N, C-alpha and C. Protein backbone atom coordinates (compact mmCIF):
# COMPACT_ATOMS: atom_id res chain seq x y z
N LEU A 1 140.80 364.94 -74.87
CA LEU A 1 140.03 365.95 -75.35
C LEU A 1 140.80 367.16 -74.80
N GLN A 2 141.48 367.27 -73.69
CA GLN A 2 142.33 368.35 -73.06
C GLN A 2 143.32 368.61 -74.15
N SER A 3 143.98 367.59 -74.39
CA SER A 3 145.05 367.66 -75.16
C SER A 3 144.64 368.74 -76.63
N THR A 4 143.83 368.02 -77.46
CA THR A 4 143.30 368.59 -78.62
C THR A 4 142.59 370.03 -78.43
N GLN A 5 142.25 370.36 -77.50
CA GLN A 5 141.71 371.88 -76.90
C GLN A 5 142.80 372.71 -76.71
N LYS A 6 143.86 372.19 -76.20
CA LYS A 6 145.10 372.80 -76.38
C LYS A 6 145.99 373.37 -77.33
N ARG A 7 145.72 372.45 -78.24
CA ARG A 7 146.50 372.21 -79.55
C ARG A 7 145.46 373.35 -80.44
N MET A 8 144.32 373.38 -80.30
CA MET A 8 143.40 374.15 -80.95
C MET A 8 143.51 375.79 -80.32
N SER A 9 143.96 375.80 -79.12
CA SER A 9 144.01 377.27 -78.45
C SER A 9 145.30 377.59 -79.02
N LEU A 10 146.19 377.18 -78.93
CA LEU A 10 147.49 377.47 -79.48
C LEU A 10 147.54 377.77 -81.12
N GLY A 11 146.59 376.96 -81.73
CA GLY A 11 146.91 377.51 -83.15
C GLY A 11 145.92 378.74 -83.37
N LYS A 12 145.17 378.72 -82.65
CA LYS A 12 144.32 380.49 -82.56
C LYS A 12 145.32 381.27 -82.23
N ALA A 13 145.95 380.95 -81.35
CA ALA A 13 147.29 381.89 -80.81
C ALA A 13 148.10 382.38 -82.26
N VAL A 14 148.73 381.40 -82.36
CA VAL A 14 149.31 381.58 -83.61
C VAL A 14 148.95 382.37 -84.88
N ALA A 15 147.50 381.82 -85.32
CA ALA A 15 146.98 382.29 -86.49
C ALA A 15 147.05 383.84 -86.02
N THR A 16 146.66 384.38 -84.87
CA THR A 16 146.16 385.76 -84.55
C THR A 16 147.36 386.10 -84.59
N THR A 17 148.66 385.68 -84.25
CA THR A 17 150.11 386.51 -84.11
C THR A 17 150.41 386.56 -85.55
N PHE A 18 150.24 385.69 -86.35
CA PHE A 18 150.40 385.95 -87.76
C PHE A 18 149.46 386.84 -88.44
N GLY A 19 148.43 387.14 -88.18
CA GLY A 19 147.65 388.23 -88.90
C GLY A 19 148.27 389.52 -88.76
N THR A 20 148.47 389.24 -87.05
CA THR A 20 148.78 390.90 -86.51
C THR A 20 150.12 391.00 -87.19
N TYR A 21 151.22 390.19 -87.21
CA TYR A 21 152.17 390.36 -87.95
C TYR A 21 152.42 391.02 -89.36
N MET A 22 151.62 390.56 -90.09
CA MET A 22 151.21 391.05 -91.28
C MET A 22 150.97 392.15 -91.43
N LEU A 23 149.77 392.60 -90.73
CA LEU A 23 149.21 393.77 -90.45
C LEU A 23 150.06 395.06 -90.24
N ALA A 24 151.17 394.38 -89.27
CA ALA A 24 152.11 395.34 -88.47
C ALA A 24 153.01 395.99 -89.78
N ASP A 25 153.64 394.56 -90.43
CA ASP A 25 154.55 394.69 -91.53
C ASP A 25 154.00 396.16 -92.59
N TYR A 26 152.83 395.72 -92.98
CA TYR A 26 152.18 396.59 -93.90
C TYR A 26 151.80 397.81 -93.25
N LEU A 27 151.52 398.16 -92.35
CA LEU A 27 151.42 399.48 -91.76
C LEU A 27 152.55 400.13 -91.78
N SER A 28 153.67 399.41 -91.15
CA SER A 28 155.27 399.78 -90.91
C SER A 28 156.26 400.36 -92.31
N ASN A 29 155.38 400.05 -93.60
CA ASN A 29 155.76 400.48 -94.94
C ASN A 29 155.34 402.09 -94.94
N TYR A 30 154.06 402.52 -94.20
CA TYR A 30 153.76 404.08 -94.63
C TYR A 30 154.58 404.60 -93.07
N ILE A 31 155.51 404.23 -92.46
CA ILE A 31 156.21 404.61 -91.33
C ILE A 31 157.60 404.86 -92.33
N GLN A 32 158.08 403.97 -92.69
CA GLN A 32 159.43 403.96 -93.40
C GLN A 32 159.68 404.89 -94.72
N HIS A 33 158.05 404.36 -95.35
CA HIS A 33 158.24 405.39 -96.78
C HIS A 33 156.80 405.78 -96.98
N PRO A 34 156.61 407.14 -96.11
CA PRO A 34 155.19 407.79 -96.31
C PRO A 34 154.85 407.95 -97.46
N THR A 35 155.86 408.50 -98.62
CA THR A 35 155.39 409.20 -99.83
C THR A 35 155.73 408.22 -100.91
N GLN A 36 156.19 406.96 -100.83
CA GLN A 36 156.77 406.34 -101.76
C GLN A 36 155.69 404.97 -102.07
N LYS A 37 155.45 404.93 -103.27
CA LYS A 37 154.82 403.64 -103.72
C LYS A 37 155.56 402.41 -103.35
N MET A 38 154.76 401.56 -102.87
CA MET A 38 155.45 400.36 -102.75
C MET A 38 155.00 399.08 -103.69
N ASP A 39 155.86 398.16 -103.85
CA ASP A 39 155.46 396.94 -104.97
C ASP A 39 154.95 396.01 -104.03
N TYR A 40 153.85 395.53 -104.36
CA TYR A 40 152.84 394.25 -103.49
C TYR A 40 152.64 393.19 -104.60
N GLY A 41 153.65 393.24 -105.64
CA GLY A 41 153.78 392.10 -106.58
C GLY A 41 152.36 391.62 -107.02
N ILE A 42 151.93 390.82 -107.14
CA ILE A 42 150.57 390.05 -107.69
C ILE A 42 149.49 391.10 -107.33
N PHE A 43 149.39 391.46 -105.94
CA PHE A 43 148.37 392.72 -105.45
C PHE A 43 148.74 394.13 -106.01
N ASN A 44 149.54 393.99 -106.75
CA ASN A 44 149.60 395.63 -107.74
C ASN A 44 148.75 395.71 -108.77
N LYS A 45 147.91 394.60 -108.84
CA LYS A 45 146.68 394.77 -109.80
C LYS A 45 145.54 395.48 -109.51
N LEU A 46 145.28 395.13 -108.35
CA LEU A 46 144.29 395.51 -107.57
C LEU A 46 144.30 396.92 -107.32
N ILE A 47 145.53 397.88 -107.19
CA ILE A 47 145.43 399.30 -106.96
C ILE A 47 146.18 399.89 -108.48
N GLY A 48 145.98 399.31 -109.74
CA GLY A 48 146.53 400.08 -110.60
C GLY A 48 147.87 400.06 -110.76
N ARG A 49 148.45 399.40 -110.06
CA ARG A 49 150.13 398.94 -110.38
C ARG A 49 150.36 398.38 -111.29
N GLU A 50 151.76 398.69 -111.78
CA GLU A 50 152.47 397.57 -113.08
C GLU A 50 153.13 396.40 -112.25
N VAL A 51 152.60 395.27 -112.59
CA VAL A 51 153.50 393.75 -112.11
C VAL A 51 154.75 393.42 -112.79
N ASP A 52 155.51 393.38 -111.81
CA ASP A 52 156.71 393.06 -112.24
C ASP A 52 157.36 391.47 -112.01
N LYS A 53 157.35 391.16 -110.51
CA LYS A 53 157.19 389.83 -110.16
C LYS A 53 156.19 389.96 -109.47
N ALA A 54 155.74 388.41 -109.49
CA ALA A 54 154.31 388.12 -108.64
C ALA A 54 154.69 388.08 -106.87
N TRP A 55 155.70 387.44 -106.86
CA TRP A 55 156.21 387.23 -105.29
C TRP A 55 157.34 387.69 -105.04
N TRP A 56 158.60 386.93 -105.49
CA TRP A 56 159.86 387.12 -105.47
C TRP A 56 160.29 388.35 -104.86
N GLY A 57 160.89 388.71 -104.16
CA GLY A 57 161.60 390.10 -103.79
C GLY A 57 160.22 391.47 -103.68
N THR A 58 159.43 391.12 -103.47
CA THR A 58 158.42 392.25 -103.23
C THR A 58 157.55 392.32 -101.73
N ARG A 59 156.97 393.49 -101.44
CA ARG A 59 156.83 393.48 -99.99
C ARG A 59 156.00 392.22 -99.89
N THR A 60 155.06 391.83 -100.62
CA THR A 60 154.01 390.90 -99.86
C THR A 60 154.75 389.68 -99.46
N GLU A 61 155.97 389.16 -100.41
CA GLU A 61 156.82 388.05 -100.24
C GLU A 61 157.41 388.40 -98.59
N HIS A 62 157.71 389.84 -98.44
CA HIS A 62 158.48 389.78 -96.93
C HIS A 62 156.90 389.88 -95.87
N ILE A 63 156.49 390.61 -96.21
CA ILE A 63 154.74 390.66 -95.74
C ILE A 63 154.64 389.26 -95.03
N VAL A 64 154.14 388.25 -95.80
CA VAL A 64 153.60 386.96 -95.26
C VAL A 64 154.73 386.01 -94.62
N GLY A 65 156.12 386.27 -95.59
CA GLY A 65 157.18 385.26 -95.02
C GLY A 65 157.67 385.36 -93.60
N VAL A 66 157.90 386.75 -93.50
CA VAL A 66 158.29 387.40 -92.08
C VAL A 66 157.51 386.87 -91.03
N ALA A 67 156.03 387.28 -90.85
CA ALA A 67 154.90 386.92 -90.37
C ALA A 67 155.01 385.85 -90.02
N ALA A 68 155.00 384.71 -90.91
CA ALA A 68 155.05 383.19 -90.56
C ALA A 68 156.05 383.16 -89.76
N CYS A 69 157.03 383.15 -90.04
CA CYS A 69 158.41 382.78 -89.27
C CYS A 69 158.17 383.53 -87.76
N LEU A 70 158.31 384.82 -87.85
CA LEU A 70 157.78 385.45 -86.52
C LEU A 70 156.62 384.98 -85.72
N ALA A 71 155.53 384.52 -86.06
CA ALA A 71 154.51 383.90 -85.31
C ALA A 71 154.87 382.52 -84.53
N ALA A 72 155.63 381.93 -85.59
CA ALA A 72 156.34 380.55 -84.99
C ALA A 72 157.35 380.63 -83.90
N THR A 73 158.24 381.45 -84.17
CA THR A 73 159.40 381.64 -83.45
C THR A 73 158.96 382.73 -81.76
N ASP A 74 158.02 383.41 -82.16
CA ASP A 74 157.39 384.30 -80.75
C ASP A 74 156.85 383.49 -79.92
N HIS A 75 155.78 382.15 -80.45
CA HIS A 75 155.28 381.49 -79.67
C HIS A 75 156.28 379.95 -78.89
N ALA A 76 156.97 379.64 -79.83
CA ALA A 76 158.26 378.97 -79.33
C ALA A 76 158.99 379.50 -78.21
N SER A 77 159.17 380.59 -78.36
CA SER A 77 160.23 381.46 -77.33
C SER A 77 159.54 381.35 -76.24
N GLN A 78 158.21 381.82 -76.40
CA GLN A 78 157.39 382.01 -75.14
C GLN A 78 157.33 380.77 -74.14
N ALA A 79 156.97 379.71 -74.95
CA ALA A 79 156.78 377.88 -74.34
C ALA A 79 158.37 377.91 -73.47
N ILE A 80 159.12 378.23 -74.36
CA ILE A 80 160.58 377.82 -73.98
C ILE A 80 160.95 378.72 -72.21
N PHE A 81 160.42 380.00 -72.58
CA PHE A 81 160.71 380.60 -71.39
C PHE A 81 160.35 380.61 -70.29
N SER A 82 158.94 380.14 -70.63
CA SER A 82 158.13 380.03 -69.62
C SER A 82 158.19 378.49 -68.95
N LYS A 83 158.37 377.58 -69.50
CA LYS A 83 159.01 376.24 -68.82
C LYS A 83 160.10 376.77 -68.15
N ILE A 84 161.13 377.57 -68.46
CA ILE A 84 161.81 377.51 -67.51
C ILE A 84 162.05 378.30 -66.33
N LEU A 85 161.12 379.33 -66.30
CA LEU A 85 160.34 380.37 -65.65
C LEU A 85 159.44 379.52 -64.57
N LYS A 86 158.82 378.35 -65.35
CA LYS A 86 157.93 377.61 -64.41
C LYS A 86 156.55 378.72 -64.24
N LYS A 87 156.37 379.57 -65.21
CA LYS A 87 155.38 380.41 -64.81
C LYS A 87 155.09 381.02 -66.25
N PRO A 88 153.63 381.48 -66.56
CA PRO A 88 153.71 381.78 -68.12
C PRO A 88 154.67 383.51 -67.97
N LEU A 89 155.28 383.58 -69.25
CA LEU A 89 156.14 384.70 -69.23
C LEU A 89 155.42 386.11 -69.57
N SER A 90 155.87 387.04 -68.66
CA SER A 90 155.06 388.28 -69.06
C SER A 90 156.07 389.43 -68.78
N PHE A 91 155.97 390.52 -69.41
CA PHE A 91 157.03 391.65 -69.35
C PHE A 91 156.53 392.08 -67.81
N ALA A 92 155.25 392.05 -67.12
CA ALA A 92 155.07 392.86 -65.94
C ALA A 92 155.64 392.15 -64.90
N THR A 93 155.58 390.84 -64.77
CA THR A 93 156.47 389.96 -63.82
C THR A 93 158.12 389.39 -64.03
N HIS A 94 158.54 389.41 -65.41
CA HIS A 94 159.70 388.99 -65.79
C HIS A 94 159.85 389.94 -66.96
N PRO A 95 160.66 391.40 -66.51
CA PRO A 95 160.74 392.40 -67.52
C PRO A 95 162.07 391.61 -68.17
N GLY A 96 163.28 391.09 -67.49
CA GLY A 96 164.40 391.09 -68.19
C GLY A 96 164.36 389.97 -69.01
N PRO A 97 163.76 388.83 -68.90
CA PRO A 97 163.46 387.57 -69.91
C PRO A 97 162.40 387.96 -70.82
N PHE A 98 161.60 388.94 -70.45
CA PHE A 98 160.76 389.19 -71.64
C PHE A 98 161.62 389.84 -72.79
N VAL A 99 162.41 390.82 -72.36
CA VAL A 99 163.20 391.57 -73.46
C VAL A 99 164.06 390.83 -74.27
N ALA A 100 164.73 389.60 -73.15
CA ALA A 100 165.30 388.89 -74.30
C ALA A 100 164.99 387.89 -75.06
N HIS A 101 163.32 387.64 -74.54
CA HIS A 101 162.63 386.89 -75.61
C HIS A 101 162.60 387.82 -76.76
N THR A 102 162.28 388.82 -76.23
CA THR A 102 161.82 390.10 -77.75
C THR A 102 163.21 389.72 -78.72
N PHE A 103 164.28 390.06 -78.16
CA PHE A 103 165.45 389.93 -79.24
C PHE A 103 165.61 388.64 -79.57
N LEU A 104 165.21 387.46 -79.19
CA LEU A 104 165.69 386.06 -79.42
C LEU A 104 164.66 385.85 -80.55
N PHE A 105 163.19 386.25 -80.38
CA PHE A 105 162.25 385.86 -81.12
C PHE A 105 162.51 386.52 -82.44
N ILE A 106 162.69 387.84 -82.22
CA ILE A 106 162.63 388.51 -83.47
C ILE A 106 163.85 388.51 -84.44
N PHE A 107 165.00 388.11 -83.85
CA PHE A 107 166.27 387.69 -84.86
C PHE A 107 166.26 386.21 -85.31
N SER A 108 165.45 385.40 -84.33
CA SER A 108 165.69 383.78 -84.92
C SER A 108 164.77 383.85 -86.15
N GLY A 109 163.57 384.55 -85.70
CA GLY A 109 162.60 384.51 -86.92
C GLY A 109 162.58 385.12 -88.37
N VAL A 110 163.06 386.30 -88.16
CA VAL A 110 163.98 387.22 -89.26
C VAL A 110 164.93 386.51 -90.00
N THR A 111 165.73 385.63 -89.13
CA THR A 111 166.73 384.86 -89.82
C THR A 111 166.31 383.91 -90.70
N ILE A 112 165.33 382.88 -90.08
CA ILE A 112 164.99 381.78 -90.84
C ILE A 112 164.24 382.41 -91.90
N TYR A 113 163.50 383.51 -92.11
CA TYR A 113 162.88 384.03 -93.25
C TYR A 113 164.32 384.18 -94.30
N VAL A 114 165.17 384.76 -93.83
CA VAL A 114 166.29 385.41 -94.54
C VAL A 114 167.13 384.25 -95.68
N ALA A 115 166.94 383.13 -94.39
CA ALA A 115 167.70 381.68 -94.93
C ALA A 115 166.36 381.11 -95.79
N ALA A 116 165.62 381.24 -96.05
CA ALA A 116 164.56 380.63 -96.76
C ALA A 116 164.48 381.80 -98.19
N ASP A 117 164.55 382.74 -97.92
CA ASP A 117 164.72 383.70 -99.23
C ASP A 117 166.11 382.99 -99.88
N ALA A 118 167.18 383.16 -99.31
CA ALA A 118 168.17 382.80 -100.07
C ALA A 118 168.57 381.66 -100.41
N ALA A 119 167.69 380.63 -99.97
CA ALA A 119 167.55 379.43 -100.80
C ALA A 119 167.06 379.14 -101.96
N PHE A 120 165.75 380.11 -101.82
CA PHE A 120 164.85 379.61 -102.83
C PHE A 120 164.52 380.83 -103.54
N ASN A 121 164.72 382.04 -103.36
CA ASN A 121 164.56 383.52 -104.40
C ASN A 121 165.25 383.10 -105.61
N PRO A 122 164.60 383.00 -106.75
CA PRO A 122 165.88 382.81 -107.92
C PRO A 122 166.55 383.76 -108.27
N ASP A 123 166.12 385.22 -107.73
CA ASP A 123 167.16 386.45 -107.87
C ASP A 123 168.44 386.18 -107.05
N HIS A 124 168.57 385.44 -106.37
CA HIS A 124 169.75 385.23 -105.69
C HIS A 124 170.49 383.91 -106.21
N GLU A 125 170.39 383.36 -107.41
CA GLU A 125 171.02 382.21 -108.07
C GLU A 125 172.52 382.79 -108.25
N GLY A 126 173.37 381.55 -107.80
CA GLY A 126 174.59 382.00 -107.73
C GLY A 126 175.35 383.15 -106.73
N LYS A 127 174.28 383.69 -105.55
CA LYS A 127 174.82 384.09 -105.01
C LYS A 127 174.30 383.95 -103.46
N ARG A 128 173.58 382.93 -103.19
CA ARG A 128 172.88 382.68 -102.15
C ARG A 128 173.41 382.65 -100.78
N MET A 129 174.51 382.15 -100.47
CA MET A 129 175.34 382.31 -99.27
C MET A 129 175.79 383.68 -98.66
N GLU A 130 175.98 384.60 -99.93
CA GLU A 130 176.35 385.60 -99.35
C GLU A 130 175.00 386.48 -99.14
N GLU A 131 174.04 386.24 -99.85
CA GLU A 131 173.16 386.44 -99.50
C GLU A 131 172.42 386.26 -97.87
N PHE A 132 172.33 385.09 -97.55
CA PHE A 132 172.19 384.71 -96.53
C PHE A 132 173.09 385.29 -95.35
N LYS A 133 174.39 385.54 -95.52
CA LYS A 133 175.19 385.99 -94.49
C LYS A 133 174.90 387.58 -94.46
N SER A 134 174.83 388.25 -95.85
CA SER A 134 174.34 389.52 -95.61
C SER A 134 172.94 389.82 -94.85
N GLY A 135 171.94 389.08 -95.06
CA GLY A 135 170.93 388.86 -94.66
C GLY A 135 170.50 388.92 -92.90
N THR A 136 171.50 387.77 -92.49
CA THR A 136 171.66 387.47 -91.05
C THR A 136 172.21 388.63 -90.46
N TYR A 137 173.20 389.29 -91.18
CA TYR A 137 173.92 390.39 -90.56
C TYR A 137 172.72 391.69 -90.10
N CYS A 138 172.11 391.59 -91.34
CA CYS A 138 171.15 393.18 -91.16
C CYS A 138 169.73 392.37 -89.93
N SER A 139 169.66 390.98 -90.15
CA SER A 139 168.70 390.81 -89.10
C SER A 139 169.21 391.07 -87.47
N TYR A 140 170.25 390.54 -87.48
CA TYR A 140 171.22 390.76 -85.96
C TYR A 140 170.92 392.53 -85.62
N ILE A 141 171.50 393.07 -86.93
CA ILE A 141 171.58 394.75 -86.82
C ILE A 141 170.01 395.29 -86.24
N GLY A 142 169.21 394.65 -86.95
CA GLY A 142 167.98 395.41 -86.89
C GLY A 142 167.22 394.69 -85.73
N SER A 143 167.47 393.57 -85.04
CA SER A 143 166.81 393.09 -84.01
C SER A 143 167.03 393.55 -82.61
N ASN A 144 168.40 394.14 -82.73
CA ASN A 144 168.89 394.98 -81.52
C ASN A 144 168.08 396.47 -81.35
N THR A 145 167.60 396.83 -82.53
CA THR A 145 166.63 397.90 -82.18
C THR A 145 165.30 398.12 -81.33
N ALA A 146 164.76 396.55 -81.52
CA ALA A 146 163.40 396.39 -81.04
C ALA A 146 163.70 396.07 -79.52
N TRP A 147 164.25 396.60 -78.65
CA TRP A 147 164.37 396.51 -77.20
C TRP A 147 163.25 396.91 -76.64
N PHE A 148 162.59 398.21 -77.45
CA PHE A 148 161.71 399.17 -77.10
C PHE A 148 160.40 398.44 -76.85
N GLU A 149 160.32 397.82 -77.72
CA GLU A 149 158.67 397.00 -78.20
C GLU A 149 157.94 396.23 -76.39
N PRO A 150 158.67 395.68 -75.89
CA PRO A 150 157.84 395.64 -74.50
C PRO A 150 157.07 396.82 -73.58
N TYR A 151 157.99 397.86 -74.15
CA TYR A 151 157.66 399.05 -73.28
C TYR A 151 156.42 399.94 -73.89
N VAL A 152 156.10 399.44 -75.33
CA VAL A 152 155.07 400.31 -75.99
C VAL A 152 153.80 400.19 -74.99
N ALA A 153 153.22 399.00 -74.73
CA ALA A 153 151.97 399.07 -73.72
C ALA A 153 151.74 399.83 -72.79
N PRO A 154 152.96 399.51 -71.91
CA PRO A 154 153.02 400.71 -70.34
C PRO A 154 153.18 402.07 -70.95
N ALA A 155 153.83 402.47 -71.97
CA ALA A 155 153.66 403.89 -72.41
C ALA A 155 152.42 404.15 -72.85
N VAL A 156 151.47 403.34 -73.75
CA VAL A 156 150.37 403.51 -73.96
C VAL A 156 149.18 403.73 -72.78
N ALA A 157 149.39 403.18 -71.61
CA ALA A 157 149.26 402.87 -70.74
C ALA A 157 149.09 404.21 -70.16
N LYS A 158 149.80 405.24 -69.89
CA LYS A 158 150.37 406.32 -69.40
C LYS A 158 149.33 407.46 -70.33
N VAL A 159 149.59 407.13 -71.61
CA VAL A 159 148.88 408.42 -72.55
C VAL A 159 147.63 408.06 -72.48
N ALA A 160 146.80 406.83 -72.86
CA ALA A 160 145.75 406.49 -73.12
C ALA A 160 145.17 405.48 -72.00
N GLY A 161 145.61 405.28 -71.16
CA GLY A 161 144.79 404.58 -69.92
C GLY A 161 145.13 403.35 -70.41
N PRO A 162 144.77 401.98 -69.38
CA PRO A 162 145.24 401.07 -69.26
C PRO A 162 144.07 400.15 -70.09
N ALA A 163 143.20 400.59 -70.57
CA ALA A 163 142.31 399.96 -71.35
C ALA A 163 142.79 399.74 -73.04
N MET A 164 143.27 400.87 -73.27
CA MET A 164 143.74 400.76 -74.84
C MET A 164 144.94 400.28 -74.40
N ALA A 165 145.90 400.19 -73.44
CA ALA A 165 147.23 399.63 -73.44
C ALA A 165 146.62 397.73 -73.43
N GLY A 166 146.02 397.42 -72.82
CA GLY A 166 145.24 396.14 -73.13
C GLY A 166 144.96 395.56 -74.25
N SER A 167 144.44 396.61 -74.87
CA SER A 167 143.71 396.08 -76.12
C SER A 167 144.33 395.40 -77.31
N TRP A 168 143.93 394.83 -77.99
CA TRP A 168 144.88 394.28 -79.22
C TRP A 168 145.69 395.44 -79.96
N LEU A 169 144.90 396.19 -80.14
CA LEU A 169 145.84 397.57 -80.61
C LEU A 169 146.88 397.93 -79.85
N GLY A 170 146.66 398.25 -78.82
CA GLY A 170 147.98 399.09 -77.74
C GLY A 170 148.91 398.08 -77.29
N SER A 171 148.55 396.46 -77.28
CA SER A 171 149.09 395.87 -76.52
C SER A 171 150.04 394.82 -77.59
N ALA A 172 149.47 394.67 -78.89
CA ALA A 172 150.03 393.98 -80.15
C ALA A 172 150.53 394.80 -81.25
N LEU A 173 149.63 395.44 -81.92
CA LEU A 173 149.58 396.00 -83.24
C LEU A 173 150.19 396.95 -83.52
N LEU A 174 150.29 397.98 -82.04
CA LEU A 174 151.12 399.21 -82.03
C LEU A 174 152.74 398.55 -82.24
N PRO A 175 152.81 398.12 -81.01
CA PRO A 175 154.29 397.64 -80.83
C PRO A 175 155.38 396.73 -81.79
N ALA A 176 154.00 395.77 -82.46
CA ALA A 176 154.85 395.29 -83.72
C ALA A 176 155.08 396.23 -84.81
N THR A 177 154.20 396.99 -84.98
CA THR A 177 154.26 398.05 -86.11
C THR A 177 155.62 398.93 -86.06
N LEU A 178 155.50 399.30 -84.73
CA LEU A 178 156.68 400.10 -84.55
C LEU A 178 158.26 399.46 -84.49
N ALA A 179 157.84 398.12 -83.95
CA ALA A 179 159.44 397.33 -84.06
C ALA A 179 159.48 397.00 -85.44
N TYR A 180 158.56 396.39 -86.29
CA TYR A 180 158.74 396.35 -87.74
C TYR A 180 159.49 397.27 -88.18
N SER A 181 159.07 398.85 -87.84
CA SER A 181 159.70 399.81 -88.66
C SER A 181 161.28 399.97 -88.31
N THR A 182 161.78 399.68 -87.04
CA THR A 182 162.85 399.88 -86.79
C THR A 182 163.97 398.79 -87.19
N VAL A 183 163.39 397.52 -87.33
CA VAL A 183 164.21 396.36 -87.47
C VAL A 183 164.40 396.51 -89.24
N LYS A 184 163.64 396.76 -89.89
CA LYS A 184 163.78 397.06 -91.50
C LYS A 184 164.38 398.31 -91.59
N GLY A 185 164.09 399.10 -90.96
CA GLY A 185 164.82 400.68 -91.05
C GLY A 185 166.39 400.69 -90.62
N VAL A 186 166.52 399.88 -89.70
CA VAL A 186 168.16 400.11 -89.17
C VAL A 186 168.59 399.30 -89.74
N GLY A 187 168.25 397.86 -89.65
CA GLY A 187 168.94 396.49 -90.13
C GLY A 187 169.12 396.67 -91.57
N TRP A 188 168.18 397.29 -92.49
CA TRP A 188 168.50 397.02 -93.72
C TRP A 188 168.27 398.30 -94.55
N TYR A 189 168.54 399.52 -93.85
CA TYR A 189 168.42 401.12 -94.05
C TYR A 189 167.05 401.10 -95.39
N ASP A 190 166.19 400.44 -94.89
CA ASP A 190 164.97 400.72 -95.54
C ASP A 190 164.01 401.88 -95.10
N TRP A 191 164.49 403.14 -95.76
CA TRP A 191 163.56 404.80 -95.14
C TRP A 191 163.57 405.36 -96.62
N GLY A 192 162.59 405.91 -96.59
CA GLY A 192 162.41 406.76 -97.88
C GLY A 192 162.61 406.25 -99.06
N ASP A 193 163.66 407.18 -99.77
CA ASP A 193 164.16 406.54 -101.28
C ASP A 193 165.22 405.54 -101.22
N SER A 194 165.39 405.01 -99.99
CA SER A 194 166.21 403.96 -99.87
C SER A 194 165.77 402.77 -99.37
N GLY A 195 166.48 401.25 -99.91
CA GLY A 195 165.59 400.02 -99.65
C GLY A 195 164.76 399.83 -100.77
N LEU A 196 164.71 400.49 -101.66
CA LEU A 196 163.35 400.17 -102.94
C LEU A 196 164.19 399.08 -103.74
N ASN A 197 162.68 398.42 -104.06
CA ASN A 197 163.76 397.17 -105.28
C ASN A 197 163.21 398.34 -106.79
N ASP A 198 163.82 397.39 -107.97
CA ASP A 198 163.73 397.90 -108.91
C ASP A 198 162.19 398.57 -109.35
N LEU A 199 161.39 397.94 -108.92
CA LEU A 199 160.02 398.18 -109.65
C LEU A 199 159.71 399.55 -109.10
N GLU A 200 160.21 399.50 -107.86
CA GLU A 200 159.54 400.87 -106.63
C GLU A 200 160.72 401.91 -107.21
N MET A 201 161.73 401.67 -107.88
CA MET A 201 162.51 402.85 -108.27
C MET A 201 161.88 403.57 -108.98
N LYS A 202 161.32 402.39 -110.08
CA LYS A 202 160.44 403.16 -111.27
C LYS A 202 159.51 403.95 -111.15
N ILE A 203 158.67 403.01 -110.57
CA ILE A 203 157.00 403.79 -110.20
C ILE A 203 157.31 405.03 -109.16
N ASN A 204 158.43 405.03 -108.51
CA ASN A 204 158.57 406.62 -107.94
C ASN A 204 159.37 407.80 -108.72
N GLY A 205 159.53 407.17 -109.80
CA GLY A 205 160.19 408.33 -110.57
C GLY A 205 161.81 408.15 -110.32
N LEU A 206 162.22 407.48 -109.72
CA LEU A 206 163.76 407.44 -109.49
C LEU A 206 164.76 406.87 -110.28
N VAL A 207 163.83 405.91 -111.34
CA VAL A 207 164.79 405.62 -112.70
C VAL A 207 163.74 405.32 -113.76
N THR A 208 164.56 405.60 -114.76
CA THR A 208 163.18 405.02 -116.08
C THR A 208 163.24 403.67 -116.49
N GLY A 209 163.61 402.82 -115.95
CA GLY A 209 163.49 401.53 -115.98
C GLY A 209 163.79 400.52 -115.12
N HIS A 210 163.68 399.35 -115.12
CA HIS A 210 164.16 398.38 -114.06
C HIS A 210 164.42 396.78 -114.72
N ARG A 211 164.75 396.28 -113.91
CA ARG A 211 165.36 395.04 -114.50
C ARG A 211 163.92 393.81 -114.57
N THR A 212 164.05 393.07 -115.51
CA THR A 212 162.90 392.36 -115.89
C THR A 212 163.38 390.67 -115.49
N ASN A 213 164.78 390.59 -115.49
CA ASN A 213 164.92 388.97 -115.25
C ASN A 213 165.12 388.60 -113.76
């Protein structure tokens, strides 16, 4: 019974993290591309935008795929560090290991997503290894920018008080949103009119057409 309860508790925690990371990725697009229209694939129908590809190469693929990988690596990394330290991992008690955990789970999670996308995305046919190598390098560069994530909640505490810092917004969503922005923005140079796919170039008036193959 106790084992079942632990599994259920872990499952709930992973699901919450997954949802938080999906929302953080979505919100980070407004930081990176504040005036640009994004391609959400099949969901474009709901906001009156053209649909080019339903899934592959869209922001929706990235939002769901990266969040799933990060949720898994985040909790796996926490468990590993906690086992090594013989106590729950936290930034307050183990700042050094926590910063290391932050880099490791982000880099490993994003790279797992990169590997899956390189392997299964039909757009990468004939260049899958090149795509994997390029994405892994971008993942490494971007993940190095996320060192600040554990410091966001303490900063919020100084500005808005400990209650806000300890809330889901201050301790989870805001840090993740900012980290997503720098990892994607710096790692893939995904800012403003840069980093847009073909449909996004078109709907933002940067080109007159886009690939359909």
